[in-house]
C-alpha cells in the first residue's frame, strides 16, 4: 500500500488503533502477571486454556504477518492458484496436526514428567539422562525461531514505514520491546490471550477484505 493512498485522517486513525493495541497487550501482560504462581502457570498457563483460545492462539502465532501480508502478496504477484494451494495445504496440515498430534502430545507431556517444553518432553519421553535430545531440539527451535520472529518484526517495521513513514529499524525495535515486555511479565496466559485477540481480528479482517 502506498502511503499516498491514505488520507491524513485515515493514517491518524490507523496509528491510534495500532498504538492502542500495543498498549492493550502490555496491560494484558500486567493483569496476568498476578496469576503466575509457579513455572507451570508461567509457561503453560496451568494447562487451563480452553479449545478456542488454544486454537486461535496457536494459529495466530503460526501465521500472523505471513497470512495477512505474505499470502496476499503471493496471490497478487502470481495469481490465486499458488496462494490457493498454499491455503489448502495449510488447512489440511493444520487439521491433521490437531487431530492426530496435539491431543496425544498434550496428554503424554503431562505423563512424561509433566514436561513444560518440547525439548523437555523429548528428554523425558525417551529417558534421555544425558539431555542430548533436549539440547539438540532446543538448538533447532532456537535457530529457526530466530528466523521466524525476525520475519514478524520485519513485517511490523515495513508496515509502519509504509503507512506512516516511520523509521523501519526503529519500529522493529519498538515492536520487539512490546512483545518481550508482555510475554515476560504475563507469561503464556498473556501471550495466548493476546494471540486470541489477534487471531479473531485476523479471521474477520480476512473475511471482510476478501
C-alpha atoms as a PDB file:
ATOM      1  CA  UNK A   1       0.000   0.000   0.000  1.00  0.00           C
ATOM      2  CA  UNK A   2       1.372   3.352  -0.954  1.00  0.00           C
ATOM      3  CA  UNK A   3       1.428   5.993   1.734  1.00  0.00           C
ATOM      4  CA  UNK A   4      -0.411   8.429  -0.563  1.00  0.00           C
ATOM      5  CA  UNK A   5      -3.435   6.117  -0.743  1.00  0.00           C
ATOM      6  CA  UNK A   6      -4.409   7.006   2.828  1.00  0.00           C
ATOM      7  CA  UNK A   7      -5.570  10.451   3.809  1.00  0.00           C
ATOM      8  CA  UNK A   8      -4.127  12.216   6.837  1.00  0.00           C
ATOM      9  CA  UNK A   9      -7.212  11.383   8.892  1.00  0.00           C
ATOM     10  CA  UNK A  10      -7.047   7.716   7.899  1.00  0.00           C
ATOM     11  CA  UNK A  11      -3.367   7.492   8.819  1.00  0.00           C
ATOM     12  CA  UNK A  12      -4.065   9.105  12.186  1.00  0.00           C
ATOM     13  CA  UNK A  13      -6.921   6.693  12.880  1.00  0.00           C
ATOM     14  CA  UNK A  14      -4.800   3.701  11.876  1.00  0.00           C
ATOM     15  CA  UNK A  15      -1.929   4.857  14.080  1.00  0.00           C
ATOM     16  CA  UNK A  16      -4.196   5.372  17.086  1.00  0.00           C
ATOM     17  CA  UNK A  17      -5.634   1.884  16.612  1.00  0.00           C
ATOM     18  CA  UNK A  18      -2.207   0.238  16.354  1.00  0.00           C
ATOM     19  CA  UNK A  19      -0.765   2.173  19.286  1.00  0.00           C
ATOM     20  CA  UNK A  20      -3.859   1.338  21.316  1.00  0.00           C
ATOM     21  CA  UNK A  21      -3.453  -2.338  20.532  1.00  0.00           C
ATOM     22  CA  UNK A  22       0.187  -2.287  21.647  1.00  0.00           C
ATOM     23  CA  UNK A  23      -0.815  -0.614  24.898  1.00  0.00           C
ATOM     24  CA  UNK A  24      -3.600  -3.147  25.377  1.00  0.00           C
ATOM     25  CA  UNK A  25      -1.333  -6.191  25.084  1.00  0.00           C
ATOM     26  CA  UNK A  26       1.046  -4.711  27.667  1.00  0.00           C
ATOM     27  CA  UNK A  27      -1.920  -4.190  30.015  1.00  0.00           C
ATOM     28  CA  UNK A  28      -2.975  -7.813  29.458  1.00  0.00           C
ATOM     29  CA  UNK A  29       0.538  -8.902  30.414  1.00  0.00           C
ATOM     30  CA  UNK A  30       0.382  -6.877  33.624  1.00  0.00           C
ATOM     31  CA  UNK A  31      -3.028  -8.326  34.528  1.00  0.00           C
ATOM     32  CA  UNK A  32      -1.917 -11.934  34.037  1.00  0.00           C
ATOM     33  CA  UNK A  33       1.360 -11.393  35.883  1.00  0.00           C
ATOM     34  CA  UNK A  34      -0.565 -11.723  39.151  1.00  0.00           C
ATOM     35  CA  UNK A  35      -1.828 -15.202  38.223  1.00  0.00           C
ATOM     36  CA  UNK A  36       1.545 -16.844  37.634  1.00  0.00           C
ATOM     37  CA  UNK A  37       2.437 -18.541  40.905  1.00  0.00           C
ATOM     38  CA  UNK A  38       4.872 -21.148  39.566  1.00  0.00           C
ATOM     39  CA  UNK A  39       6.774 -22.153  36.401  1.00  0.00           C
ATOM     40  CA  UNK A  40       3.954 -24.366  35.085  1.00  0.00           C
ATOM     41  CA  UNK A  41       1.495 -21.489  35.240  1.00  0.00           C
ATOM     42  CA  UNK A  42       4.000 -19.118  33.638  1.00  0.00           C
ATOM     43  CA  UNK A  43       4.970 -21.431  30.755  1.00  0.00           C
ATOM     44  CA  UNK A  44       1.714 -23.371  30.243  1.00  0.00           C
ATOM     45  CA  UNK A  45      -0.978 -21.243  31.857  1.00  0.00           C
ATOM     46  CA  UNK A  46      -1.591 -24.040  34.341  1.00  0.00           C
ATOM     47  CA  UNK A  47      -2.779 -26.212  31.411  1.00  0.00           C
ATOM     48  CA  UNK A  48      -6.103 -24.440  31.734  1.00  0.00           C
ATOM     49  CA  UNK A  49      -6.652 -22.950  28.263  1.00  0.00           C
ATOM     50  CA  UNK A  50      -9.892 -23.794  26.510  1.00  0.00           C
ATOM     51  CA  UNK A  51     -10.057 -25.076  22.907  1.00  0.00           C
ATOM     52  CA  UNK A  52     -10.970 -21.736  21.299  1.00  0.00           C
ATOM     53  CA  UNK A  53      -8.182 -19.768  22.947  1.00  0.00           C
ATOM     54  CA  UNK A  54      -5.704 -22.581  22.304  1.00  0.00           C
ATOM     55  CA  UNK A  55      -6.616 -22.930  18.629  1.00  0.00           C
ATOM     56  CA  UNK A  56      -6.777 -19.220  17.819  1.00  0.00           C
ATOM     57  CA  UNK A  57      -3.600 -18.511  19.749  1.00  0.00           C
ATOM     58  CA  UNK A  58      -1.689 -21.296  18.022  1.00  0.00           C
ATOM     59  CA  UNK A  59      -2.762 -20.276  14.541  1.00  0.00           C
ATOM     60  CA  UNK A  60      -2.203 -16.563  15.153  1.00  0.00           C
ATOM     61  CA  UNK A  61       1.317 -17.348  16.348  1.00  0.00           C
ATOM     62  CA  UNK A  62       1.894 -19.709  13.444  1.00  0.00           C
ATOM     63  CA  UNK A  63       0.681 -17.433  10.642  1.00  0.00           C
ATOM     64  CA  UNK A  64       0.236 -13.823  11.814  1.00  0.00           C
ATOM     65  CA  UNK A  65       2.015 -11.366   9.488  1.00  0.00           C
ATOM     66  CA  UNK A  66       2.707 -14.052   6.901  1.00  0.00           C
ATOM     67  CA  UNK A  67      -1.013 -14.730   6.477  1.00  0.00           C
ATOM     68  CA  UNK A  68      -2.003 -11.052   6.346  1.00  0.00           C
ATOM     69  CA  UNK A  69       0.899  -9.753   4.233  1.00  0.00           C
ATOM     70  CA  UNK A  70       2.826 -12.639   2.685  1.00  0.00           C
ATOM     71  CA  UNK A  71      -0.011 -14.771   1.282  1.00  0.00           C
ATOM     72  CA  UNK A  72      -1.980 -11.834  -0.202  1.00  0.00           C
ATOM     73  CA  UNK A  73       1.281 -10.616  -1.742  1.00  0.00           C
ATOM     74  CA  UNK A  74       1.831 -14.048  -3.261  1.00  0.00           C
ATOM     75  CA  UNK A  75      -1.706 -14.026  -4.693  1.00  0.00           C
ATOM     76  CA  UNK A  76      -1.185 -10.534  -6.105  1.00  0.00           C
ATOM     77  CA  UNK A  77       2.104 -11.449  -7.807  1.00  0.00           C
ATOM     78  CA  UNK A  78       1.353 -14.965  -9.061  1.00  0.00           C
ATOM     79  CA  UNK A  79      -2.424 -15.256  -9.107  1.00  0.00           C
ATOM     80  CA  UNK A  80      -4.860 -17.097  -6.871  1.00  0.00           C
ATOM     81  CA  UNK A  81      -3.762 -20.615  -7.831  1.00  0.00           C
ATOM     82  CA  UNK A  82      -0.463 -20.636  -5.961  1.00  0.00           C
ATOM     83  CA  UNK A  83      -1.873 -18.913  -2.882  1.00  0.00           C
ATOM     84  CA  UNK A  84      -4.971 -21.113  -3.022  1.00  0.00           C
ATOM     85  CA  UNK A  85      -2.999 -24.357  -2.960  1.00  0.00           C
ATOM     86  CA  UNK A  86      -0.880 -22.956  -0.143  1.00  0.00           C
ATOM     87  CA  UNK A  87      -4.021 -22.208   1.865  1.00  0.00           C
ATOM     88  CA  UNK A  88      -5.420 -25.684   1.175  1.00  0.00           C
ATOM     89  CA  UNK A  89      -2.166 -27.315   2.268  1.00  0.00           C
ATOM     90  CA  UNK A  90      -2.132 -25.256   5.449  1.00  0.00           C
ATOM     91  CA  UNK A  91      -5.732 -26.129   6.270  1.00  0.00           C
ATOM     92  CA  UNK A  92      -5.213 -29.875   5.731  1.00  0.00           C
ATOM     93  CA  UNK A  93      -1.892 -29.938   7.564  1.00  0.00           C
ATOM     94  CA  UNK A  94      -3.296 -27.979  10.493  1.00  0.00           C
ATOM     95  CA  UNK A  95      -6.302 -30.291  10.757  1.00  0.00           C
ATOM     96  CA  UNK A  96      -4.098 -33.401  10.791  1.00  0.00           C
ATOM     97  CA  UNK A  97      -1.865 -31.810  13.417  1.00  0.00           C
ATOM     98  CA  UNK A  98      -4.749 -31.025  15.756  1.00  0.00           C
ATOM     99  CA  UNK A  99      -6.449 -34.364  15.101  1.00  0.00           C
ATOM    100  CA  UNK A 100      -3.526 -36.785  15.446  1.00  0.00           C
ATOM    101  CA  UNK A 101      -0.684 -34.968  17.217  1.00  0.00           C
ATOM    102  CA  UNK A 102      -1.979 -32.273  19.558  1.00  0.00           C
ATOM    103  CA  UNK A 103      -4.170 -34.425  21.823  1.00  0.00           C
ATOM    104  CA  UNK A 104      -1.545 -37.138  22.232  1.00  0.00           C
ATOM    105  CA  UNK A 105       1.178 -34.605  22.888  1.00  0.00           C
ATOM    106  CA  UNK A 106      -0.997 -32.772  25.419  1.00  0.00           C
ATOM    107  CA  UNK A 107      -1.777 -35.953  27.343  1.00  0.00           C
ATOM    108  CA  UNK A 108       1.646 -37.554  27.233  1.00  0.00           C
ATOM    109  CA  UNK A 109       3.560 -34.385  28.058  1.00  0.00           C
ATOM    110  CA  UNK A 110       1.718 -34.409  31.364  1.00  0.00           C
ATOM    111  CA  UNK A 111       2.633 -38.057  31.969  1.00  0.00           C
ATOM    112  CA  UNK A 112       6.251 -37.646  30.855  1.00  0.00           C
ATOM    113  CA  UNK A 113       7.455 -35.848  33.941  1.00  0.00           C
ATOM    114  CA  UNK A 114       4.923 -33.036  33.481  1.00  0.00           C
ATOM    115  CA  UNK A 115       7.028 -31.706  30.585  1.00  0.00           C
ATOM    116  CA  UNK A 116       6.737 -27.984  30.018  1.00  0.00           C
ATOM    117  CA  UNK A 117       8.617 -27.558  26.727  1.00  0.00           C
ATOM    118  CA  UNK A 118       9.078 -29.736  23.642  1.00  0.00           C
ATOM    119  CA  UNK A 119      12.801 -30.323  24.394  1.00  0.00           C
ATOM    120  CA  UNK A 120      11.781 -31.259  27.932  1.00  0.00           C
ATOM    121  CA  UNK A 121       9.189 -33.680  26.554  1.00  0.00           C
ATOM    122  CA  UNK A 122      11.665 -35.407  24.225  1.00  0.00           C
ATOM    123  CA  UNK A 123      14.151 -35.820  27.045  1.00  0.00           C
ATOM    124  CA  UNK A 124      11.576 -37.274  29.450  1.00  0.00           C
ATOM    125  CA  UNK A 125       9.776 -39.359  26.838  1.00  0.00           C
ATOM    126  CA  UNK A 126      12.907 -41.214  25.737  1.00  0.00           C
ATOM    127  CA  UNK A 127      14.585 -41.241  29.177  1.00  0.00           C
ATOM    128  CA  UNK A 128      17.498 -39.167  27.975  1.00  0.00           C
ATOM    129  CA  UNK A 129      19.560 -38.862  31.121  1.00  0.00           C
ATOM    130  CA  UNK A 130      22.365 -37.001  29.367  1.00  0.00           C
ATOM    131  CA  UNK A 131      19.948 -34.382  27.965  1.00  0.00           C
ATOM    132  CA  UNK A 132      21.283 -34.811  24.430  1.00  0.00           C
ATOM    133  CA  UNK A 133      17.822 -34.751  22.838  1.00  0.00           C
ATOM    134  CA  UNK A 134      16.880 -31.731  24.930  1.00  0.00           C
ATOM    135  CA  UNK A 135      19.959 -29.816  23.840  1.00  0.00           C
ATOM    136  CA  UNK A 136      19.629 -30.666  20.140  1.00  0.00           C
ATOM    137  CA  UNK A 137      15.915 -29.892  19.940  1.00  0.00           C
ATOM    138  CA  UNK A 138      16.405 -26.634  21.863  1.00  0.00           C
ATOM    139  CA  UNK A 139      19.136 -25.548  19.435  1.00  0.00           C
ATOM    140  CA  UNK A 140      16.960 -26.394  16.418  1.00  0.00           C
ATOM    141  CA  UNK A 141      13.999 -24.460  17.839  1.00  0.00           C
ATOM    142  CA  UNK A 142      16.223 -21.537  18.771  1.00  0.00           C
ATOM    143  CA  UNK A 143      17.737 -21.301  15.295  1.00  0.00           C
ATOM    144  CA  UNK A 144      14.519 -21.472  13.292  1.00  0.00           C
ATOM    145  CA  UNK A 145      12.517 -19.283  15.657  1.00  0.00           C
ATOM    146  CA  UNK A 146      15.086 -16.531  15.305  1.00  0.00           C
ATOM    147  CA  UNK A 147      14.304 -16.535  11.579  1.00  0.00           C
ATOM    148  CA  UNK A 148      10.561 -16.726  12.158  1.00  0.00           C
ATOM    149  CA  UNK A 149      10.332 -13.989  14.786  1.00  0.00           C
ATOM    150  CA  UNK A 150      12.643 -11.802  12.719  1.00  0.00           C
ATOM    151  CA  UNK A 151      10.210 -12.023   9.810  1.00  0.00           C
ATOM    152  CA  UNK A 152       7.407 -10.873  12.105  1.00  0.00           C
ATOM    153  CA  UNK A 153       9.348  -7.876  13.344  1.00  0.00           C
ATOM    154  CA  UNK A 154      10.368  -7.092   9.763  1.00  0.00           C
ATOM    155  CA  UNK A 155       6.694  -7.091   8.751  1.00  0.00           C
ATOM    156  CA  UNK A 156       5.918  -4.694  11.596  1.00  0.00           C
ATOM    157  CA  UNK A 157       8.728  -2.353  10.579  1.00  0.00           C
ATOM    158  CA  UNK A 158       7.650  -2.428   6.940  1.00  0.00           C
ATOM    159  CA  UNK A 159       4.018  -1.788   7.864  1.00  0.00           C
ATOM    160  CA  UNK A 160       4.762   1.321   9.942  1.00  0.00           C
ATOM    161  CA  UNK A 161       7.306   2.547   7.411  1.00  0.00           C
ATOM    162  CA  UNK A 162       4.864   2.179   4.522  1.00  0.00           C
ATOM    163  CA  UNK A 163       1.810   3.619   6.243  1.00  0.00           C
ATOM    164  CA  UNK A 164       3.334   6.376   8.348  1.00  0.00           C
ATOM    165  CA  UNK A 165       6.872   6.868   7.071  1.00  0.00           C
ATOM    166  CA  UNK A 166       8.387   5.856  10.421  1.00  0.00           C
ATOM    167  CA  UNK A 167      11.935   4.518  10.556  1.00  0.00           C
ATOM    168  CA  UNK A 168      11.940   0.827   9.636  1.00  0.00           C
ATOM    169  CA  UNK A 169      14.584  -0.278  12.155  1.00  0.00           C
ATOM    170  CA  UNK A 170      13.149   1.807  14.990  1.00  0.00           C
ATOM    171  CA  UNK A 171       9.697   0.278  14.611  1.00  0.00           C
ATOM    172  CA  UNK A 172      11.132  -3.236  14.616  1.00  0.00           C
ATOM    173  CA  UNK A 173      12.843  -2.424  17.921  1.00  0.00           C
ATOM    174  CA  UNK A 174       9.662  -0.911  19.377  1.00  0.00           C
ATOM    175  CA  UNK A 175       7.663  -3.983  18.331  1.00  0.00           C
ATOM    176  CA  UNK A 176      10.247  -6.308  19.867  1.00  0.00           C
ATOM    177  CA  UNK A 177      10.170  -4.387  23.148  1.00  0.00           C
ATOM    178  CA  UNK A 178       6.371  -4.586  23.342  1.00  0.00           C
ATOM    179  CA  UNK A 179       6.362  -8.340  22.678  1.00  0.00           C
ATOM    180  CA  UNK A 180       9.170  -9.050  25.143  1.00  0.00           C
ATOM    181  CA  UNK A 181       7.531  -6.960  27.877  1.00  0.00           C
ATOM    182  CA  UNK A 182       4.071  -8.536  27.822  1.00  0.00           C
ATOM    183  CA  UNK A 183       5.478 -12.047  27.336  1.00  0.00           C
ATOM    184  CA  UNK A 184       7.999 -11.865  30.178  1.00  0.00           C
ATOM    185  CA  UNK A 185       5.558 -10.125  32.509  1.00  0.00           C
ATOM    186  CA  UNK A 186       2.411 -12.140  31.772  1.00  0.00           C
ATOM    187  CA  UNK A 187       3.763 -15.474  30.583  1.00  0.00           C
ATOM    188  CA  UNK A 188       1.847 -17.964  28.464  1.00  0.00           C
ATOM    189  CA  UNK A 189      -1.600 -16.771  29.545  1.00  0.00           C
ATOM    190  CA  UNK A 190      -0.860 -13.233  28.404  1.00  0.00           C
ATOM    191  CA  UNK A 191       0.665 -14.460  25.138  1.00  0.00           C
ATOM    192  CA  UNK A 192      -2.274 -16.769  24.442  1.00  0.00           C
ATOM    193  CA  UNK A 193      -4.874 -14.118  25.249  1.00  0.00           C
ATOM    194  CA  UNK A 194      -3.278 -11.506  23.019  1.00  0.00           C
ATOM    195  CA  UNK A 195      -2.899 -14.079  20.248  1.00  0.00           C
ATOM    196  CA  UNK A 196      -6.576 -14.981  20.621  1.00  0.00           C
ATOM    197  CA  UNK A 197      -7.433 -11.307  20.146  1.00  0.00           C
ATOM    198  CA  UNK A 198      -5.112 -11.127  17.160  1.00  0.00           C
ATOM    199  CA  UNK A 199      -6.434 -14.361  15.639  1.00  0.00           C
ATOM    200  CA  UNK A 200     -10.044 -13.200  15.950  1.00  0.00           C
ATOM    201  CA  UNK A 201      -9.174  -9.869  14.343  1.00  0.00           C
ATOM    202  CA  UNK A 202      -7.305 -11.642  11.532  1.00  0.00           C
ATOM    203  CA  UNK A 203     -10.222 -14.004  10.906  1.00  0.00           C
ATOM    204  CA  UNK A 204     -12.848 -11.296  10.499  1.00  0.00           C
ATOM    205  CA  UNK A 205     -10.464  -8.959   8.647  1.00  0.00           C
ATOM    206  CA  UNK A 206      -9.691 -11.595   6.032  1.00  0.00           C
ATOM    207  CA  UNK A 207     -13.384 -12.325   5.510  1.00  0.00           C
ATOM    208  CA  UNK A 208     -14.266  -8.643   5.124  1.00  0.00           C
ATOM    209  CA  UNK A 209     -11.326  -7.858   2.829  1.00  0.00           C
ATOM    210  CA  UNK A 210     -11.936 -10.916   0.635  1.00  0.00           C
END
